[in-house]
């Protein structure tokens, strides 16, 4: 099983894409509002079929996003638009891999953890964090219930089982069950229930900033959440790559040359060389792009071009940072353009 961990700096949230590389099937755990383009780009570039999008709990800081997959959330929440109402013992399969659902309530009433079939990995949501646990003072939280959940459902896993939480605020990425059983300052090291409850009742934390927005959105499985999908570019079928580069296909450009400004970022010798150049394109070598920004149209979308699309990808990044929003890189560059038989 391939595990890709993603981090959202706004909410300090981890999301996980789990892939069976043989079957090219995947599941996505705890996607974050506003990170749809990033997650969709990786799914597309890996060429996998997303069979399920799963949430460990009804979060106060992020919501599900819709990828055309089945959506899984704890049945006890009674949320709408859920295709996979999950409960303790449910098994979610993707290719030859699977996740066992374990109910771990206490942070919220519907918290779930997902355990890999070989018990080598557990995705704990907020039930168990790295040297911490999720707060228990809102969303039907219950400290005694969380204490019981962690000890019965998580601390019974092997010591070397890797803990993948859905949050960390210190930059830590993972832990193990053995570490947390021994060193977790809230309920590890033989802590008693009374100690744990006293600790949790005196945290004094403010409510999460996005509580009023994200929890209702999660109750509709993200389908009613504003901004859960990025707005289309409007001027053309721009696709964001996993590297964060906006790209557009040569087929579209060939049909819409009159509607855009094409900026070639190669050297003059390349511009006049064997590959030629797109008719009507403006030559601005990449190392001159920042100093010649005023020559580039702000009234029309800009498509950047180079030999294979690498230098022009940097050019697109430079223009975006300079405030031009309608920008795209020509996917595959002039090499792909010529392969498709377009004139230059």
C-alpha atoms as a PDB file:
ATOM      1  CA  UNK A   1       0.000   0.000   0.000  1.00  0.00           C
ATOM      2  CA  UNK A   2       1.325   3.422  -1.004  1.00  0.00           C
ATOM      3  CA  UNK A   3       0.578   6.230   1.475  1.00  0.00           C
ATOM      4  CA  UNK A   4       0.748   9.886   0.481  1.00  0.00           C
ATOM      5  CA  UNK A   5       0.388  12.362   3.342  1.00  0.00           C
ATOM      6  CA  UNK A   6      -0.680  15.946   2.612  1.00  0.00           C
ATOM      7  CA  UNK A   7      -0.648  18.931   4.958  1.00  0.00           C
ATOM      8  CA  UNK A   8      -2.942  21.944   5.043  1.00  0.00           C
ATOM      9  CA  UNK A   9      -1.132  24.835   6.772  1.00  0.00           C
ATOM     10  CA  UNK A  10      -4.305  26.792   7.541  1.00  0.00           C
ATOM     11  CA  UNK A  11      -5.880  24.084   9.695  1.00  0.00           C
ATOM     12  CA  UNK A  12      -2.733  22.016  10.453  1.00  0.00           C
ATOM     13  CA  UNK A  13      -4.600  19.062   8.976  1.00  0.00           C
ATOM     14  CA  UNK A  14      -3.202  15.893   7.421  1.00  0.00           C
ATOM     15  CA  UNK A  15      -5.002  14.165   4.559  1.00  0.00           C
ATOM     16  CA  UNK A  16      -4.012  10.761   3.242  1.00  0.00           C
ATOM     17  CA  UNK A  17      -4.234   9.161  -0.193  1.00  0.00           C
ATOM     18  CA  UNK A  18      -3.889   5.378   0.081  1.00  0.00           C
ATOM     19  CA  UNK A  19      -3.193   3.484  -3.133  1.00  0.00           C
ATOM     20  CA  UNK A  20      -3.104  -0.144  -4.188  1.00  0.00           C
ATOM     21  CA  UNK A  21      -0.570   0.293  -7.045  1.00  0.00           C
ATOM     22  CA  UNK A  22      -1.410  -3.047  -8.616  1.00  0.00           C
ATOM     23  CA  UNK A  23      -5.133  -2.435  -8.969  1.00  0.00           C
ATOM     24  CA  UNK A  24      -4.716   1.341  -9.407  1.00  0.00           C
ATOM     25  CA  UNK A  25      -7.439   1.918  -6.813  1.00  0.00           C
ATOM     26  CA  UNK A  26      -7.310   4.402  -3.953  1.00  0.00           C
ATOM     27  CA  UNK A  27      -9.106   5.912  -0.996  1.00  0.00           C
ATOM     28  CA  UNK A  28      -8.734   9.457   0.310  1.00  0.00           C
ATOM     29  CA  UNK A  29      -8.962  10.131   4.064  1.00  0.00           C
ATOM     30  CA  UNK A  30      -9.892  13.549   5.497  1.00  0.00           C
ATOM     31  CA  UNK A  31      -9.675  15.869   2.479  1.00  0.00           C
ATOM     32  CA  UNK A  32      -9.536  19.584   3.295  1.00  0.00           C
ATOM     33  CA  UNK A  33     -11.762  22.374   2.035  1.00  0.00           C
ATOM     34  CA  UNK A  34      -9.818  24.363  -0.556  1.00  0.00           C
ATOM     35  CA  UNK A  35      -7.315  21.596  -1.382  1.00  0.00           C
ATOM     36  CA  UNK A  36      -9.447  19.937  -4.061  1.00  0.00           C
ATOM     37  CA  UNK A  37      -7.099  20.944  -6.908  1.00  0.00           C
ATOM     38  CA  UNK A  38      -4.053  19.476  -5.151  1.00  0.00           C
ATOM     39  CA  UNK A  39      -5.748  16.164  -4.364  1.00  0.00           C
ATOM     40  CA  UNK A  40      -7.419  15.847  -7.759  1.00  0.00           C
ATOM     41  CA  UNK A  41      -4.108  16.531  -9.551  1.00  0.00           C
ATOM     42  CA  UNK A  42      -2.305  13.736  -7.700  1.00  0.00           C
ATOM     43  CA  UNK A  43      -5.145  11.285  -8.335  1.00  0.00           C
ATOM     44  CA  UNK A  44      -5.069  12.195 -12.025  1.00  0.00           C
ATOM     45  CA  UNK A  45      -1.275  12.032 -12.361  1.00  0.00           C
ATOM     46  CA  UNK A  46      -1.035   8.669 -10.592  1.00  0.00           C
ATOM     47  CA  UNK A  47      -3.761   7.331 -12.884  1.00  0.00           C
ATOM     48  CA  UNK A  48      -5.742   5.774 -10.037  1.00  0.00           C
ATOM     49  CA  UNK A  49      -9.452   5.288  -9.541  1.00  0.00           C
ATOM     50  CA  UNK A  50     -10.659   6.856  -6.296  1.00  0.00           C
ATOM     51  CA  UNK A  51     -13.197   4.382  -4.955  1.00  0.00           C
ATOM     52  CA  UNK A  52     -13.954   6.084  -1.627  1.00  0.00           C
ATOM     53  CA  UNK A  53     -13.488   9.368   0.222  1.00  0.00           C
ATOM     54  CA  UNK A  54     -13.518   8.767   3.984  1.00  0.00           C
ATOM     55  CA  UNK A  55     -13.752  11.028   6.994  1.00  0.00           C
ATOM     56  CA  UNK A  56     -12.514  10.059  10.439  1.00  0.00           C
ATOM     57  CA  UNK A  57     -15.055  12.437  11.999  1.00  0.00           C
ATOM     58  CA  UNK A  58     -17.243  15.457  11.345  1.00  0.00           C
ATOM     59  CA  UNK A  59     -14.499  18.069  11.485  1.00  0.00           C
ATOM     60  CA  UNK A  60     -14.706  21.647  12.684  1.00  0.00           C
ATOM     61  CA  UNK A  61     -12.012  22.828  10.300  1.00  0.00           C
ATOM     62  CA  UNK A  62     -12.423  20.961   7.036  1.00  0.00           C
ATOM     63  CA  UNK A  63     -15.031  19.218   4.980  1.00  0.00           C
ATOM     64  CA  UNK A  64     -15.286  16.507   2.414  1.00  0.00           C
ATOM     65  CA  UNK A  65     -14.815  17.249  -1.223  1.00  0.00           C
ATOM     66  CA  UNK A  66     -16.640  15.526  -4.027  1.00  0.00           C
ATOM     67  CA  UNK A  67     -14.468  13.514  -6.417  1.00  0.00           C
ATOM     68  CA  UNK A  68     -17.165  11.301  -7.888  1.00  0.00           C
ATOM     69  CA  UNK A  69     -16.264   8.543  -5.427  1.00  0.00           C
ATOM     70  CA  UNK A  70     -18.371   7.051  -2.695  1.00  0.00           C
ATOM     71  CA  UNK A  71     -18.359   9.157   0.475  1.00  0.00           C
ATOM     72  CA  UNK A  72     -17.943   7.487   3.855  1.00  0.00           C
ATOM     73  CA  UNK A  73     -18.756   8.970   7.257  1.00  0.00           C
ATOM     74  CA  UNK A  74     -19.889   7.550  10.602  1.00  0.00           C
ATOM     75  CA  UNK A  75     -23.516   6.436  10.416  1.00  0.00           C
ATOM     76  CA  UNK A  76     -24.249   7.868  13.867  1.00  0.00           C
ATOM     77  CA  UNK A  77     -23.964  11.440  12.550  1.00  0.00           C
ATOM     78  CA  UNK A  78     -27.019  10.985  10.307  1.00  0.00           C
ATOM     79  CA  UNK A  79     -25.411  13.160   7.620  1.00  0.00           C
ATOM     80  CA  UNK A  80     -26.942  13.495   4.162  1.00  0.00           C
ATOM     81  CA  UNK A  81     -25.296  12.545   0.832  1.00  0.00           C
ATOM     82  CA  UNK A  82     -23.320   9.726   2.471  1.00  0.00           C
ATOM     83  CA  UNK A  83     -22.852   6.645   0.269  1.00  0.00           C
ATOM     84  CA  UNK A  84     -20.981   4.588   2.862  1.00  0.00           C
ATOM     85  CA  UNK A  85     -22.517   4.916   6.335  1.00  0.00           C
ATOM     86  CA  UNK A  86     -19.662   3.535   8.419  1.00  0.00           C
ATOM     87  CA  UNK A  87     -19.844   1.697  11.731  1.00  0.00           C
ATOM     88  CA  UNK A  88     -17.544  -0.402  13.886  1.00  0.00           C
ATOM     89  CA  UNK A  89     -16.374  -3.460  11.940  1.00  0.00           C
ATOM     90  CA  UNK A  90     -17.123  -2.128   8.457  1.00  0.00           C
ATOM     91  CA  UNK A  91     -14.408  -3.025   5.921  1.00  0.00           C
ATOM     92  CA  UNK A  92     -13.589  -0.623   3.083  1.00  0.00           C
ATOM     93  CA  UNK A  93     -11.819  -2.322   0.160  1.00  0.00           C
ATOM     94  CA  UNK A  94      -9.695  -0.812  -2.604  1.00  0.00           C
ATOM     95  CA  UNK A  95      -7.976  -3.283  -4.896  1.00  0.00           C
ATOM     96  CA  UNK A  96      -6.320  -5.948  -2.766  1.00  0.00           C
ATOM     97  CA  UNK A  97      -6.050  -3.560   0.185  1.00  0.00           C
ATOM     98  CA  UNK A  98      -8.633  -2.873   2.862  1.00  0.00           C
ATOM     99  CA  UNK A  99      -9.296  -0.746   5.926  1.00  0.00           C
ATOM    100  CA  UNK A 100     -11.095  -1.952   9.035  1.00  0.00           C
ATOM    101  CA  UNK A 101     -13.310   0.671  10.648  1.00  0.00           C
ATOM    102  CA  UNK A 102     -13.015   1.000  14.425  1.00  0.00           C
ATOM    103  CA  UNK A 103     -15.387   3.247  16.349  1.00  0.00           C
ATOM    104  CA  UNK A 104     -13.318   5.555  18.572  1.00  0.00           C
ATOM    105  CA  UNK A 105     -15.808   8.123  19.926  1.00  0.00           C
ATOM    106  CA  UNK A 106     -14.948  10.698  22.568  1.00  0.00           C
ATOM    107  CA  UNK A 107     -13.558  13.657  20.622  1.00  0.00           C
ATOM    108  CA  UNK A 108     -16.923  13.631  18.845  1.00  0.00           C
ATOM    109  CA  UNK A 109     -19.716  11.077  19.052  1.00  0.00           C
ATOM    110  CA  UNK A 110     -18.916   9.677  15.603  1.00  0.00           C
ATOM    111  CA  UNK A 111     -15.125   9.461  15.531  1.00  0.00           C
ATOM    112  CA  UNK A 112     -13.691   6.545  13.560  1.00  0.00           C
ATOM    113  CA  UNK A 113     -10.203   5.123  13.096  1.00  0.00           C
ATOM    114  CA  UNK A 114      -9.145   3.139  10.026  1.00  0.00           C
ATOM    115  CA  UNK A 115      -6.778   0.175  10.475  1.00  0.00           C
ATOM    116  CA  UNK A 116      -4.890  -1.459   7.603  1.00  0.00           C
ATOM    117  CA  UNK A 117      -5.439  -5.191   7.126  1.00  0.00           C
ATOM    118  CA  UNK A 118      -1.905  -6.022   8.296  1.00  0.00           C
ATOM    119  CA  UNK A 119      -2.240  -3.810  11.396  1.00  0.00           C
ATOM    120  CA  UNK A 120       0.840  -1.850  10.309  1.00  0.00           C
ATOM    121  CA  UNK A 121      -0.991   1.481   9.955  1.00  0.00           C
ATOM    122  CA  UNK A 122      -3.838   3.223  11.741  1.00  0.00           C
ATOM    123  CA  UNK A 123      -5.450   6.507  10.721  1.00  0.00           C
ATOM    124  CA  UNK A 124      -6.703   7.871  14.010  1.00  0.00           C
ATOM    125  CA  UNK A 125      -8.367  11.169  13.135  1.00  0.00           C
ATOM    126  CA  UNK A 126      -8.449  13.223  16.339  1.00  0.00           C
ATOM    127  CA  UNK A 127      -8.979  10.282  18.686  1.00  0.00           C
ATOM    128  CA  UNK A 128      -5.216   9.853  19.094  1.00  0.00           C
ATOM    129  CA  UNK A 129      -2.727  12.518  18.075  1.00  0.00           C
ATOM    130  CA  UNK A 130       1.045  12.603  18.408  1.00  0.00           C
ATOM    131  CA  UNK A 131       1.624  13.065  22.159  1.00  0.00           C
ATOM    132  CA  UNK A 132      -1.935  14.339  22.503  1.00  0.00           C
ATOM    133  CA  UNK A 133      -5.597  13.522  21.868  1.00  0.00           C
ATOM    134  CA  UNK A 134      -8.472  15.512  20.433  1.00  0.00           C
ATOM    135  CA  UNK A 135     -10.341  17.903  22.703  1.00  0.00           C
ATOM    136  CA  UNK A 136     -13.586  16.699  24.270  1.00  0.00           C
ATOM    137  CA  UNK A 137     -15.432  19.929  25.077  1.00  0.00           C
ATOM    138  CA  UNK A 138     -17.741  20.254  22.040  1.00  0.00           C
ATOM    139  CA  UNK A 139     -19.615  18.178  19.397  1.00  0.00           C
ATOM    140  CA  UNK A 140     -20.814  15.632  21.993  1.00  0.00           C
ATOM    141  CA  UNK A 141     -17.266  15.101  23.248  1.00  0.00           C
ATOM    142  CA  UNK A 142     -16.774  12.870  26.262  1.00  0.00           C
ATOM    143  CA  UNK A 143     -13.407  12.451  27.981  1.00  0.00           C
ATOM    144  CA  UNK A 144     -14.242   9.152  29.672  1.00  0.00           C
ATOM    145  CA  UNK A 145     -15.479   7.724  26.388  1.00  0.00           C
ATOM    146  CA  UNK A 146     -12.315   8.824  24.571  1.00  0.00           C
ATOM    147  CA  UNK A 147     -10.116   7.256  27.265  1.00  0.00           C
ATOM    148  CA  UNK A 148     -11.963   3.971  26.790  1.00  0.00           C
ATOM    149  CA  UNK A 149     -11.868   4.191  22.967  1.00  0.00           C
ATOM    150  CA  UNK A 150      -8.117   4.719  22.797  1.00  0.00           C
ATOM    151  CA  UNK A 151      -7.328   1.939  25.266  1.00  0.00           C
ATOM    152  CA  UNK A 152      -9.717  -0.628  23.793  1.00  0.00           C
ATOM    153  CA  UNK A 153      -9.433   0.083  20.064  1.00  0.00           C
ATOM    154  CA  UNK A 154      -6.000   1.678  19.499  1.00  0.00           C
ATOM    155  CA  UNK A 155      -3.648   0.680  22.311  1.00  0.00           C
ATOM    156  CA  UNK A 156      -4.513  -2.967  21.569  1.00  0.00           C
ATOM    157  CA  UNK A 157      -2.762  -2.667  18.188  1.00  0.00           C
ATOM    158  CA  UNK A 158       0.900  -3.774  17.822  1.00  0.00           C
ATOM    159  CA  UNK A 159       3.601  -1.489  19.237  1.00  0.00           C
ATOM    160  CA  UNK A 160       5.077  -0.855  15.777  1.00  0.00           C
ATOM    161  CA  UNK A 161       1.732   0.081  14.189  1.00  0.00           C
ATOM    162  CA  UNK A 162       2.251   3.538  12.691  1.00  0.00           C
ATOM    163  CA  UNK A 163      -0.120   6.229  13.930  1.00  0.00           C
ATOM    164  CA  UNK A 164      -1.285   8.671  11.249  1.00  0.00           C
ATOM    165  CA  UNK A 165      -3.280  11.486  12.907  1.00  0.00           C
ATOM    166  CA  UNK A 166      -5.423  14.078  11.153  1.00  0.00           C
ATOM    167  CA  UNK A 167      -3.748  17.027  12.895  1.00  0.00           C
ATOM    168  CA  UNK A 168      -0.440  18.154  14.277  1.00  0.00           C
ATOM    169  CA  UNK A 169       0.547  21.665  15.269  1.00  0.00           C
ATOM    170  CA  UNK A 170       4.276  21.075  15.749  1.00  0.00           C
ATOM    171  CA  UNK A 171       5.268  19.649  12.353  1.00  0.00           C
ATOM    172  CA  UNK A 172       5.358  16.026  13.530  1.00  0.00           C
ATOM    173  CA  UNK A 173       4.159  13.599  10.882  1.00  0.00           C
ATOM    174  CA  UNK A 174       3.613  10.212  12.554  1.00  0.00           C
ATOM    175  CA  UNK A 175       4.161   8.153  15.669  1.00  0.00           C
ATOM    176  CA  UNK A 176       3.618   4.547  16.749  1.00  0.00           C
ATOM    177  CA  UNK A 177       1.186   2.850  19.079  1.00  0.00           C
ATOM    178  CA  UNK A 178       4.075   1.795  21.325  1.00  0.00           C
ATOM    179  CA  UNK A 179       5.338   5.374  21.618  1.00  0.00           C
ATOM    180  CA  UNK A 180       1.937   6.793  22.440  1.00  0.00           C
ATOM    181  CA  UNK A 181       1.095   4.019  24.889  1.00  0.00           C
ATOM    182  CA  UNK A 182       4.268   4.868  26.793  1.00  0.00           C
ATOM    183  CA  UNK A 183       4.819   8.592  26.256  1.00  0.00           C
ATOM    184  CA  UNK A 184       1.478  10.263  25.489  1.00  0.00           C
ATOM    185  CA  UNK A 185       1.240  12.849  28.313  1.00  0.00           C
ATOM    186  CA  UNK A 186      -2.560  12.731  28.447  1.00  0.00           C
ATOM    187  CA  UNK A 187      -3.353   9.027  28.642  1.00  0.00           C
ATOM    188  CA  UNK A 188      -0.102   7.082  28.158  1.00  0.00           C
ATOM    189  CA  UNK A 189       2.351   5.730  30.718  1.00  0.00           C
ATOM    190  CA  UNK A 190      -0.318   4.067  32.815  1.00  0.00           C
ATOM    191  CA  UNK A 191      -2.428   7.207  33.280  1.00  0.00           C
ATOM    192  CA  UNK A 192      -5.671   6.655  35.161  1.00  0.00           C
ATOM    193  CA  UNK A 193      -9.083   7.871  34.015  1.00  0.00           C
ATOM    194  CA  UNK A 194      -9.266  10.494  36.776  1.00  0.00           C
ATOM    195  CA  UNK A 195      -5.940  12.003  35.688  1.00  0.00           C
ATOM    196  CA  UNK A 196      -7.010  12.072  32.060  1.00  0.00           C
ATOM    197  CA  UNK A 197     -10.356  13.717  32.789  1.00  0.00           C
ATOM    198  CA  UNK A 198      -8.739  16.340  34.983  1.00  0.00           C
ATOM    199  CA  UNK A 199      -6.255  17.131  32.223  1.00  0.00           C
ATOM    200  CA  UNK A 200      -8.933  17.406  29.520  1.00  0.00           C
ATOM    201  CA  UNK A 201     -11.311  19.514  31.630  1.00  0.00           C
ATOM    202  CA  UNK A 202      -8.653  22.174  32.133  1.00  0.00           C
ATOM    203  CA  UNK A 203      -7.332  22.669  28.588  1.00  0.00           C
ATOM    204  CA  UNK A 204      -9.020  26.079  28.278  1.00  0.00           C
ATOM    205  CA  UNK A 205      -8.989  26.073  24.463  1.00  0.00           C
ATOM    206  CA  UNK A 206     -10.971  28.527  22.275  1.00  0.00           C
ATOM    207  CA  UNK A 207     -13.480  27.057  19.837  1.00  0.00           C
ATOM    208  CA  UNK A 208     -12.102  26.366  16.341  1.00  0.00           C
ATOM    209  CA  UNK A 209     -12.462  29.360  14.019  1.00  0.00           C
ATOM    210  CA  UNK A 210     -14.308  27.466  11.285  1.00  0.00           C
ATOM    211  CA  UNK A 211     -16.661  25.522  13.548  1.00  0.00           C
ATOM    212  CA  UNK A 212     -19.829  27.284  12.371  1.00  0.00           C
ATOM    213  CA  UNK A 213     -18.994  26.739   8.689  1.00  0.00           C
ATOM    214  CA  UNK A 214     -17.326  23.368   8.392  1.00  0.00           C
ATOM    215  CA  UNK A 215     -19.471  21.208  10.660  1.00  0.00           C
ATOM    216  CA  UNK A 216     -22.735  21.983   8.809  1.00  0.00           C
ATOM    217  CA  UNK A 217     -20.884  21.426   5.525  1.00  0.00           C
ATOM    218  CA  UNK A 218     -19.714  18.026   6.722  1.00  0.00           C
ATOM    219  CA  UNK A 219     -23.279  17.130   7.615  1.00  0.00           C
ATOM    220  CA  UNK A 220     -24.054  17.298   3.892  1.00  0.00           C
ATOM    221  CA  UNK A 221     -20.836  15.389   3.049  1.00  0.00           C
ATOM    222  CA  UNK A 222     -19.319  18.579   1.653  1.00  0.00           C
ATOM    223  CA  UNK A 223     -21.746  18.960  -1.219  1.00  0.00           C
ATOM    224  CA  UNK A 224     -23.207  22.182   0.157  1.00  0.00           C
ATOM    225  CA  UNK A 225     -19.856  23.688   1.127  1.00  0.00           C
ATOM    226  CA  UNK A 226     -18.933  26.944  -0.604  1.00  0.00           C
ATOM    227  CA  UNK A 227     -15.547  26.695  -2.281  1.00  0.00           C
ATOM    228  CA  UNK A 228     -15.134  22.928  -1.916  1.00  0.00           C
ATOM    229  CA  UNK A 229     -14.449  22.816  -5.632  1.00  0.00           C
ATOM    230  CA  UNK A 230     -12.177  25.342  -7.336  1.00  0.00           C
ATOM    231  CA  UNK A 231     -13.881  27.703  -9.744  1.00  0.00           C
ATOM    232  CA  UNK A 232     -13.088  26.944 -13.402  1.00  0.00           C
ATOM    233  CA  UNK A 233     -10.658  29.311 -15.092  1.00  0.00           C
ATOM    234  CA  UNK A 234     -13.438  30.696 -17.277  1.00  0.00           C
ATOM    235  CA  UNK A 235     -11.281  31.472 -20.297  1.00  0.00           C
ATOM    236  CA  UNK A 236     -10.189  27.911 -21.056  1.00  0.00           C
ATOM    237  CA  UNK A 237      -9.863  24.343 -19.698  1.00  0.00           C
ATOM    238  CA  UNK A 238      -6.918  25.047 -17.403  1.00  0.00           C
ATOM    239  CA  UNK A 239      -5.779  22.085 -15.288  1.00  0.00           C
ATOM    240  CA  UNK A 240      -3.709  22.504 -12.137  1.00  0.00           C
ATOM    241  CA  UNK A 241      -0.915  19.933 -11.842  1.00  0.00           C
ATOM    242  CA  UNK A 242       0.135  18.347  -8.545  1.00  0.00           C
ATOM    243  CA  UNK A 243       3.205  20.632  -8.711  1.00  0.00           C
ATOM    244  CA  UNK A 244       0.834  23.617  -8.737  1.00  0.00           C
ATOM    245  CA  UNK A 245       1.370  24.604 -12.375  1.00  0.00           C
ATOM    246  CA  UNK A 246      -1.654  25.722 -14.447  1.00  0.00           C
ATOM    247  CA  UNK A 247      -1.586  23.912 -17.799  1.00  0.00           C
ATOM    248  CA  UNK A 248      -3.615  23.981 -20.980  1.00  0.00           C
ATOM    249  CA  UNK A 249      -3.607  21.484 -23.839  1.00  0.00           C
ATOM    250  CA  UNK A 250      -2.117  22.318 -27.248  1.00  0.00           C
ATOM    251  CA  UNK A 251      -5.340  21.221 -28.961  1.00  0.00           C
ATOM    252  CA  UNK A 252      -7.243  24.004 -27.222  1.00  0.00           C
ATOM    253  CA  UNK A 253      -4.561  26.591 -27.952  1.00  0.00           C
ATOM    254  CA  UNK A 254      -4.532  25.755 -31.662  1.00  0.00           C
ATOM    255  CA  UNK A 255      -8.235  26.598 -31.876  1.00  0.00           C
ATOM    256  CA  UNK A 256      -8.058  29.778 -29.761  1.00  0.00           C
ATOM    257  CA  UNK A 257      -4.807  31.480 -30.753  1.00  0.00           C
ATOM    258  CA  UNK A 258      -6.580  34.736 -31.534  1.00  0.00           C
ATOM    259  CA  UNK A 259      -8.029  34.911 -28.017  1.00  0.00           C
ATOM    260  CA  UNK A 260      -4.788  34.676 -26.029  1.00  0.00           C
ATOM    261  CA  UNK A 261      -1.286  36.066 -25.896  1.00  0.00           C
ATOM    262  CA  UNK A 262       1.405  33.448 -26.387  1.00  0.00           C
ATOM    263  CA  UNK A 263       4.691  34.237 -24.642  1.00  0.00           C
ATOM    264  CA  UNK A 264       7.744  32.191 -25.650  1.00  0.00           C
ATOM    265  CA  UNK A 265      10.364  32.074 -22.879  1.00  0.00           C
ATOM    266  CA  UNK A 266      13.199  30.410 -24.834  1.00  0.00           C
ATOM    267  CA  UNK A 267      16.303  32.112 -26.190  1.00  0.00           C
ATOM    268  CA  UNK A 268      16.224  33.962 -29.517  1.00  0.00           C
ATOM    269  CA  UNK A 269      18.289  31.253 -31.214  1.00  0.00           C
ATOM    270  CA  UNK A 270      15.726  28.623 -30.133  1.00  0.00           C
ATOM    271  CA  UNK A 271      12.856  30.886 -31.174  1.00  0.00           C
ATOM    272  CA  UNK A 272      14.290  31.024 -34.719  1.00  0.00           C
ATOM    273  CA  UNK A 273      15.618  27.464 -34.704  1.00  0.00           C
ATOM    274  CA  UNK A 274      14.437  24.015 -35.761  1.00  0.00           C
ATOM    275  CA  UNK A 275      11.236  23.895 -33.696  1.00  0.00           C
ATOM    276  CA  UNK A 276      10.229  27.357 -34.825  1.00  0.00           C
ATOM    277  CA  UNK A 277       7.597  29.160 -32.746  1.00  0.00           C
ATOM    278  CA  UNK A 278       3.869  29.585 -32.459  1.00  0.00           C
ATOM    279  CA  UNK A 279       2.676  32.189 -34.948  1.00  0.00           C
ATOM    280  CA  UNK A 280       2.187  35.596 -33.338  1.00  0.00           C
ATOM    281  CA  UNK A 281       3.973  34.671 -30.109  1.00  0.00           C
ATOM    282  CA  UNK A 282       5.979  37.217 -28.131  1.00  0.00           C
ATOM    283  CA  UNK A 283       9.584  36.309 -27.337  1.00  0.00           C
ATOM    284  CA  UNK A 284      10.526  37.096 -23.736  1.00  0.00           C
ATOM    285  CA  UNK A 285      13.403  34.867 -22.533  1.00  0.00           C
ATOM    286  CA  UNK A 286      12.783  33.512 -19.064  1.00  0.00           C
ATOM    287  CA  UNK A 287      15.657  35.438 -17.479  1.00  0.00           C
ATOM    288  CA  UNK A 288      14.121  38.677 -18.804  1.00  0.00           C
ATOM    289  CA  UNK A 289      10.524  37.925 -17.840  1.00  0.00           C
ATOM    290  CA  UNK A 290      10.453  39.813 -14.547  1.00  0.00           C
ATOM    291  CA  UNK A 291      11.997  42.956 -16.037  1.00  0.00           C
ATOM    292  CA  UNK A 292       9.737  42.960 -19.124  1.00  0.00           C
ATOM    293  CA  UNK A 293       6.439  42.307 -17.401  1.00  0.00           C
ATOM    294  CA  UNK A 294       4.927  45.508 -18.789  1.00  0.00           C
ATOM    295  CA  UNK A 295       5.131  44.090 -22.339  1.00  0.00           C
ATOM    296  CA  UNK A 296       2.730  41.263 -21.489  1.00  0.00           C
ATOM    297  CA  UNK A 297      -0.977  41.819 -21.990  1.00  0.00           C
ATOM    298  CA  UNK A 298      -3.192  42.040 -18.925  1.00  0.00           C
ATOM    299  CA  UNK A 299      -6.325  42.129 -21.076  1.00  0.00           C
ATOM    300  CA  UNK A 300      -6.005  38.657 -22.598  1.00  0.00           C
ATOM    301  CA  UNK A 301      -5.129  35.286 -21.059  1.00  0.00           C
ATOM    302  CA  UNK A 302      -1.442  34.431 -21.351  1.00  0.00           C
ATOM    303  CA  UNK A 303      -0.111  31.046 -22.476  1.00  0.00           C
ATOM    304  CA  UNK A 304       3.589  30.452 -21.881  1.00  0.00           C
ATOM    305  CA  UNK A 305       5.633  28.252 -24.195  1.00  0.00           C
ATOM    306  CA  UNK A 306       9.090  26.675 -24.285  1.00  0.00           C
ATOM    307  CA  UNK A 307      10.644  23.517 -25.699  1.00  0.00           C
ATOM    308  CA  UNK A 308       9.086  20.921 -23.383  1.00  0.00           C
ATOM    309  CA  UNK A 309       7.038  22.994 -20.933  1.00  0.00           C
ATOM    310  CA  UNK A 310       9.545  23.166 -18.082  1.00  0.00           C
ATOM    311  CA  UNK A 311      10.895  26.709 -18.393  1.00  0.00           C
ATOM    312  CA  UNK A 312       7.457  27.982 -19.299  1.00  0.00           C
ATOM    313  CA  UNK A 313       6.086  26.347 -16.129  1.00  0.00           C
ATOM    314  CA  UNK A 314       8.429  28.584 -14.179  1.00  0.00           C
ATOM    315  CA  UNK A 315       7.271  31.499 -16.325  1.00  0.00           C
ATOM    316  CA  UNK A 316       3.648  30.768 -15.396  1.00  0.00           C
ATOM    317  CA  UNK A 317       4.610  30.749 -11.726  1.00  0.00           C
ATOM    318  CA  UNK A 318       6.396  34.097 -12.092  1.00  0.00           C
ATOM    319  CA  UNK A 319       3.404  35.718 -13.776  1.00  0.00           C
ATOM    320  CA  UNK A 320       0.981  34.362 -11.193  1.00  0.00           C
ATOM    321  CA  UNK A 321       3.089  35.753  -8.360  1.00  0.00           C
ATOM    322  CA  UNK A 322       3.118  39.091 -10.178  1.00  0.00           C
ATOM    323  CA  UNK A 323      -0.681  39.167 -10.020  1.00  0.00           C
ATOM    324  CA  UNK A 324      -1.733  37.821 -13.436  1.00  0.00           C
ATOM    325  CA  UNK A 325      -4.469  35.287 -12.775  1.00  0.00           C
ATOM    326  CA  UNK A 326      -5.343  34.231 -16.345  1.00  0.00           C
ATOM    327  CA  UNK A 327      -2.121  32.342 -17.046  1.00  0.00           C
ATOM    328  CA  UNK A 328      -1.345  28.814 -18.238  1.00  0.00           C
ATOM    329  CA  UNK A 329       1.606  26.761 -19.378  1.00  0.00           C
ATOM    330  CA  UNK A 330       1.416  24.919 -22.721  1.00  0.00           C
ATOM    331  CA  UNK A 331       1.419  21.251 -21.727  1.00  0.00           C
ATOM    332  CA  UNK A 332       4.286  19.420 -23.424  1.00  0.00           C
ATOM    333  CA  UNK A 333       5.683  22.598 -24.952  1.00  0.00           C
ATOM    334  CA  UNK A 334       6.596  23.013 -28.614  1.00  0.00           C
ATOM    335  CA  UNK A 335       7.773  19.424 -28.851  1.00  0.00           C
ATOM    336  CA  UNK A 336       4.209  18.234 -28.192  1.00  0.00           C
ATOM    337  CA  UNK A 337       2.824  21.031 -30.394  1.00  0.00           C
ATOM    338  CA  UNK A 338       4.869  19.793 -33.347  1.00  0.00           C
ATOM    339  CA  UNK A 339       4.083  16.115 -32.622  1.00  0.00           C
ATOM    340  CA  UNK A 340       0.401  16.955 -33.006  1.00  0.00           C
ATOM    341  CA  UNK A 341       1.081  18.572 -36.387  1.00  0.00           C
ATOM    342  CA  UNK A 342       0.348  22.178 -35.451  1.00  0.00           C
ATOM    343  CA  UNK A 343       2.252  24.785 -37.500  1.00  0.00           C
ATOM    344  CA  UNK A 344       5.252  26.718 -36.214  1.00  0.00           C
END
